[in-house]
Amino acid sequence: MTTNDIETLSGWMEPLLRKMEPAERRKLMKLVSRDLRKANQERMKQQQGPDGDKWAPRKPQNLRSKKGAIRKKAMFTKLRTAKYLKIRTDSESAGLAFTGLSGRIAAIHHYGLRAKVDKNGPVYDYPARRLLGFSRNDLELIADRVLEHIEP
């Protein structure tokens, strides 16, 4: 997906949205953002980014450690819940955002930053795992929702 795709979508949608009342636009934005949250949650569940690429696997387990059951589970199971992945809407925009400390954790993983593992733990260079974004299917979903909304 390219920025051209997004510009094309916004080019034909903008005049339609401008004709709507602010309350109608806000209602549509909420519907679209819920659908986008669901799509992003599903991608996170599948352990892949918006472009369809699989995420880098977890760091290999320490051989001396008997623990490690967490490494066998999917990443970001709590982070992808509605409690942390919040919808932000108004009559002009729709979006998704991680809140509080979870937002910092999400940013570290999304951009592949360097951070401490624990408060007093070692520093680790996390691989980039894109958590949120648009795919072609998301753009089609947005277009479908707008068309469904304006048709009687």
C-alpha atoms as a PDB file:
ATOM      1  CA  MET A   1       0.000   0.000   0.000  1.00  0.00           C
ATOM      2  CA  THR A   2       1.246   3.468  -0.850  1.00  0.00           C
ATOM      3  CA  THR A   3       0.412   6.995   0.181  1.00  0.00           C
ATOM      4  CA  ASN A   4      -1.156   7.353  -3.279  1.00  0.00           C
ATOM      5  CA  ASP A   5      -3.813   4.830  -2.245  1.00  0.00           C
ATOM      6  CA  ILE A   6      -4.663   6.862   0.836  1.00  0.00           C
ATOM      7  CA  GLU A   7      -4.672  10.130  -1.126  1.00  0.00           C
ATOM      8  CA  THR A   8      -6.962   8.634  -3.765  1.00  0.00           C
ATOM      9  CA  LEU A   9      -9.374   7.385  -1.109  1.00  0.00           C
ATOM     10  CA  SER A  10      -9.424  10.718   0.714  1.00  0.00           C
ATOM     11  CA  GLY A  11      -9.822  12.560  -2.602  1.00  0.00           C
ATOM     12  CA  TRP A  12     -13.183  11.015  -3.431  1.00  0.00           C
ATOM     13  CA  MET A  13     -14.362  10.691   0.192  1.00  0.00           C
ATOM     14  CA  GLU A  14     -13.750  14.249   1.334  1.00  0.00           C
ATOM     15  CA  PRO A  15     -16.551  15.904  -0.698  1.00  0.00           C
ATOM     16  CA  LEU A  16     -18.992  13.238   0.512  1.00  0.00           C
ATOM     17  CA  LEU A  17     -18.022  13.756   4.136  1.00  0.00           C
ATOM     18  CA  ARG A  18     -18.239  17.563   3.882  1.00  0.00           C
ATOM     19  CA  LYS A  19     -21.904  17.268   2.848  1.00  0.00           C
ATOM     20  CA  MET A  20     -22.735  15.351   6.052  1.00  0.00           C
ATOM     21  CA  GLU A  21     -23.769  16.935   9.321  1.00  0.00           C
ATOM     22  CA  PRO A  22     -21.082  16.794  12.051  1.00  0.00           C
ATOM     23  CA  ALA A  23     -23.139  14.322  14.107  1.00  0.00           C
ATOM     24  CA  GLU A  24     -23.482  12.009  11.088  1.00  0.00           C
ATOM     25  CA  ARG A  25     -19.750  12.228  10.381  1.00  0.00           C
ATOM     26  CA  ARG A  26     -18.942  11.459  14.013  1.00  0.00           C
ATOM     27  CA  LYS A  27     -21.208   8.400  13.867  1.00  0.00           C
ATOM     28  CA  LEU A  28     -19.490   7.223  10.666  1.00  0.00           C
ATOM     29  CA  MET A  29     -16.034   7.863  12.138  1.00  0.00           C
ATOM     30  CA  LYS A  30     -16.883   5.770  15.189  1.00  0.00           C
ATOM     31  CA  LEU A  31     -18.096   2.911  12.980  1.00  0.00           C
ATOM     32  CA  VAL A  32     -14.969   3.062  10.812  1.00  0.00           C
ATOM     33  CA  SER A  33     -12.615   3.220  13.806  1.00  0.00           C
ATOM     34  CA  ARG A  34     -14.299   0.186  15.400  1.00  0.00           C
ATOM     35  CA  ASP A  35     -13.790  -1.762  12.191  1.00  0.00           C
ATOM     36  CA  LEU A  36     -10.164  -0.644  11.974  1.00  0.00           C
ATOM     37  CA  ARG A  37      -9.552  -1.652  15.588  1.00  0.00           C
ATOM     38  CA  LYS A  38     -11.003  -5.086  14.880  1.00  0.00           C
ATOM     39  CA  ALA A  39      -8.811  -5.459  11.758  1.00  0.00           C
ATOM     40  CA  ASN A  40      -5.667  -4.387  13.644  1.00  0.00           C
ATOM     41  CA  GLN A  41      -6.487  -6.685  16.560  1.00  0.00           C
ATOM     42  CA  GLU A  42      -6.874  -9.591  14.145  1.00  0.00           C
ATOM     43  CA  ARG A  43      -3.488  -8.815  12.551  1.00  0.00           C
ATOM     44  CA  MET A  44      -1.880  -8.643  15.992  1.00  0.00           C
ATOM     45  CA  LYS A  45      -3.464 -12.000  16.797  1.00  0.00           C
ATOM     46  CA  GLN A  46      -1.962 -13.407  13.590  1.00  0.00           C
ATOM     47  CA  GLN A  47       1.430 -11.942  14.640  1.00  0.00           C
ATOM     48  CA  GLN A  48       1.852  -9.884  11.482  1.00  0.00           C
ATOM     49  CA  GLY A  49       2.107  -6.251  10.461  1.00  0.00           C
ATOM     50  CA  PRO A  50      -0.292  -4.245   8.289  1.00  0.00           C
ATOM     51  CA  ASP A  51       1.722  -5.086   5.175  1.00  0.00           C
ATOM     52  CA  GLY A  52       1.266  -8.829   5.836  1.00  0.00           C
ATOM     53  CA  ASP A  53       4.850  -9.505   6.945  1.00  0.00           C
ATOM     54  CA  LYS A  54       5.298 -11.817   9.934  1.00  0.00           C
ATOM     55  CA  TRP A  55       6.801 -10.250  13.026  1.00  0.00           C
ATOM     56  CA  ALA A  56      10.293 -11.122  14.175  1.00  0.00           C
ATOM     57  CA  PRO A  57      10.056 -14.008  16.670  1.00  0.00           C
ATOM     58  CA  ARG A  58      10.809 -13.559  20.336  1.00  0.00           C
ATOM     59  CA  LYS A  59      14.389 -13.618  21.523  1.00  0.00           C
ATOM     60  CA  PRO A  60      15.590 -17.234  21.992  1.00  0.00           C
ATOM     61  CA  GLN A  61      15.054 -18.590  25.471  1.00  0.00           C
ATOM     62  CA  ASN A  62      17.910 -18.738  27.971  1.00  0.00           C
ATOM     63  CA  LEU A  63      18.948 -22.401  28.159  1.00  0.00           C
ATOM     64  CA  ARG A  64      19.481 -22.281  31.931  1.00  0.00           C
ATOM     65  CA  SER A  65      15.981 -20.967  32.598  1.00  0.00           C
ATOM     66  CA  LYS A  66      13.262 -23.485  33.393  1.00  0.00           C
ATOM     67  CA  LYS A  67      10.596 -20.846  32.902  1.00  0.00           C
ATOM     68  CA  GLY A  68       9.723 -19.696  29.419  1.00  0.00           C
ATOM     69  CA  ALA A  69       6.103 -20.744  29.022  1.00  0.00           C
ATOM     70  CA  ILE A  70       5.348 -17.148  28.064  1.00  0.00           C
ATOM     71  CA  ARG A  71       7.591 -17.474  25.022  1.00  0.00           C
ATOM     72  CA  LYS A  72       5.287 -20.086  23.556  1.00  0.00           C
ATOM     73  CA  LYS A  73       2.280 -17.737  23.646  1.00  0.00           C
ATOM     74  CA  ALA A  74       1.329 -15.045  21.149  1.00  0.00           C
ATOM     75  CA  MET A  75       2.791 -11.592  21.725  1.00  0.00           C
ATOM     76  CA  PHE A  76       0.712  -8.609  22.821  1.00  0.00           C
ATOM     77  CA  THR A  77      -2.386 -10.541  23.925  1.00  0.00           C
ATOM     78  CA  LYS A  78      -3.355  -7.900  26.487  1.00  0.00           C
ATOM     79  CA  LEU A  79      -2.135  -4.945  24.464  1.00  0.00           C
ATOM     80  CA  ARG A  80      -4.546  -5.697  21.619  1.00  0.00           C
ATOM     81  CA  THR A  81      -7.636  -5.595  23.871  1.00  0.00           C
ATOM     82  CA  ALA A  82     -10.075  -2.668  23.781  1.00  0.00           C
ATOM     83  CA  LYS A  83      -8.916  -1.673  27.272  1.00  0.00           C
ATOM     84  CA  TYR A  84      -5.539  -0.583  25.880  1.00  0.00           C
ATOM     85  CA  LEU A  85      -6.274  -0.005  22.177  1.00  0.00           C
ATOM     86  CA  LYS A  86      -8.607   2.980  22.376  1.00  0.00           C
ATOM     87  CA  ILE A  87     -10.734   4.555  19.666  1.00  0.00           C
ATOM     88  CA  ARG A  88     -10.304   8.311  19.201  1.00  0.00           C
ATOM     89  CA  THR A  89     -13.052   9.942  17.097  1.00  0.00           C
ATOM     90  CA  ASP A  90     -14.660  13.284  16.404  1.00  0.00           C
ATOM     91  CA  SER A  91     -16.492  14.747  13.427  1.00  0.00           C
ATOM     92  CA  GLU A  92     -13.211  15.373  11.588  1.00  0.00           C
ATOM     93  CA  SER A  93     -11.128  12.267  12.263  1.00  0.00           C
ATOM     94  CA  ALA A  94     -11.002   8.678  13.436  1.00  0.00           C
ATOM     95  CA  GLY A  95      -8.050   6.900  14.950  1.00  0.00           C
ATOM     96  CA  LEU A  96      -6.631   4.280  17.261  1.00  0.00           C
ATOM     97  CA  ALA A  97      -4.194   4.860  20.091  1.00  0.00           C
ATOM     98  CA  PHE A  98      -2.578   2.923  22.899  1.00  0.00           C
ATOM     99  CA  THR A  99      -3.030   4.572  26.291  1.00  0.00           C
ATOM    100  CA  GLY A 100      -0.672   5.218  29.199  1.00  0.00           C
ATOM    101  CA  LEU A 101       2.258   2.910  29.826  1.00  0.00           C
ATOM    102  CA  SER A 102       0.938   0.525  27.187  1.00  0.00           C
ATOM    103  CA  GLY A 103       1.426   3.325  24.643  1.00  0.00           C
ATOM    104  CA  ARG A 104       5.123   3.494  25.526  1.00  0.00           C
ATOM    105  CA  ILE A 105       5.475  -0.278  25.290  1.00  0.00           C
ATOM    106  CA  ALA A 106       3.643  -0.306  21.957  1.00  0.00           C
ATOM    107  CA  ALA A 107       5.877   2.470  20.578  1.00  0.00           C
ATOM    108  CA  ILE A 108       9.032   0.594  21.583  1.00  0.00           C
ATOM    109  CA  HIS A 109       7.888  -2.512  19.729  1.00  0.00           C
ATOM    110  CA  HIS A 110       6.297  -0.658  16.784  1.00  0.00           C
ATOM    111  CA  TYR A 111       9.437   1.322  15.950  1.00  0.00           C
ATOM    112  CA  GLY A 112      12.035  -1.169  17.202  1.00  0.00           C
ATOM    113  CA  LEU A 113      13.563   1.080  19.841  1.00  0.00           C
ATOM    114  CA  ARG A 114      16.120   0.415  22.571  1.00  0.00           C
ATOM    115  CA  ALA A 115      14.696   0.108  26.092  1.00  0.00           C
ATOM    116  CA  LYS A 116      15.215  -1.541  29.451  1.00  0.00           C
ATOM    117  CA  VAL A 117      13.589  -4.944  29.812  1.00  0.00           C
ATOM    118  CA  ASP A 118      12.640  -4.267  33.443  1.00  0.00           C
ATOM    119  CA  LYS A 119      13.011  -1.268  35.707  1.00  0.00           C
ATOM    120  CA  ASN A 120      16.488  -2.414  36.769  1.00  0.00           C
ATOM    121  CA  GLY A 121      17.050  -4.902  33.974  1.00  0.00           C
ATOM    122  CA  PRO A 122      19.329  -4.921  30.945  1.00  0.00           C
ATOM    123  CA  VAL A 123      18.840  -2.727  27.885  1.00  0.00           C
ATOM    124  CA  TYR A 124      17.569  -4.519  24.767  1.00  0.00           C
ATOM    125  CA  ASP A 125      17.250  -3.483  21.115  1.00  0.00           C
ATOM    126  CA  TYR A 126      13.722  -4.582  20.242  1.00  0.00           C
ATOM    127  CA  PRO A 127      13.039  -5.575  16.629  1.00  0.00           C
ATOM    128  CA  ALA A 128      10.445  -3.438  14.839  1.00  0.00           C
ATOM    129  CA  ARG A 129       7.030  -5.079  14.915  1.00  0.00           C
ATOM    130  CA  ARG A 130       4.466  -2.793  13.297  1.00  0.00           C
ATOM    131  CA  LEU A 131       1.391  -2.997  15.508  1.00  0.00           C
ATOM    132  CA  LEU A 132      -0.924  -0.499  13.819  1.00  0.00           C
ATOM    133  CA  GLY A 133      -1.341   0.650  10.250  1.00  0.00           C
ATOM    134  CA  PHE A 134      -3.432   0.445   7.110  1.00  0.00           C
ATOM    135  CA  SER A 135      -3.563  -2.416   4.660  1.00  0.00           C
ATOM    136  CA  ARG A 136      -5.304  -2.424   1.277  1.00  0.00           C
ATOM    137  CA  ASN A 137      -8.164  -4.337   2.881  1.00  0.00           C
ATOM    138  CA  ASP A 138      -8.519  -1.574   5.472  1.00  0.00           C
ATOM    139  CA  LEU A 139      -8.834   1.063   2.756  1.00  0.00           C
ATOM    140  CA  GLU A 140     -11.483  -1.036   0.999  1.00  0.00           C
ATOM    141  CA  LEU A 141     -13.285  -1.461   4.315  1.00  0.00           C
ATOM    142  CA  ILE A 142     -13.296   2.313   4.863  1.00  0.00           C
ATOM    143  CA  ALA A 143     -14.635   2.934   1.359  1.00  0.00           C
ATOM    144  CA  ASP A 144     -17.355   0.307   1.852  1.00  0.00           C
ATOM    145  CA  ARG A 145     -18.412   1.778   5.203  1.00  0.00           C
ATOM    146  CA  VAL A 146     -18.666   5.290   3.739  1.00  0.00           C
ATOM    147  CA  LEU A 147     -20.731   4.066   0.780  1.00  0.00           C
ATOM    148  CA  GLU A 148     -22.997   2.015   3.045  1.00  0.00           C
ATOM    149  CA  HIS A 149     -23.489   5.028   5.271  1.00  0.00           C
ATOM    150  CA  ILE A 150     -24.502   7.442   2.511  1.00  0.00           C
ATOM    151  CA  GLU A 151     -26.802   5.005   0.692  1.00  0.00           C
ATOM    152  CA  PRO A 152     -30.362   4.999   2.076  1.00  0.00           C
END
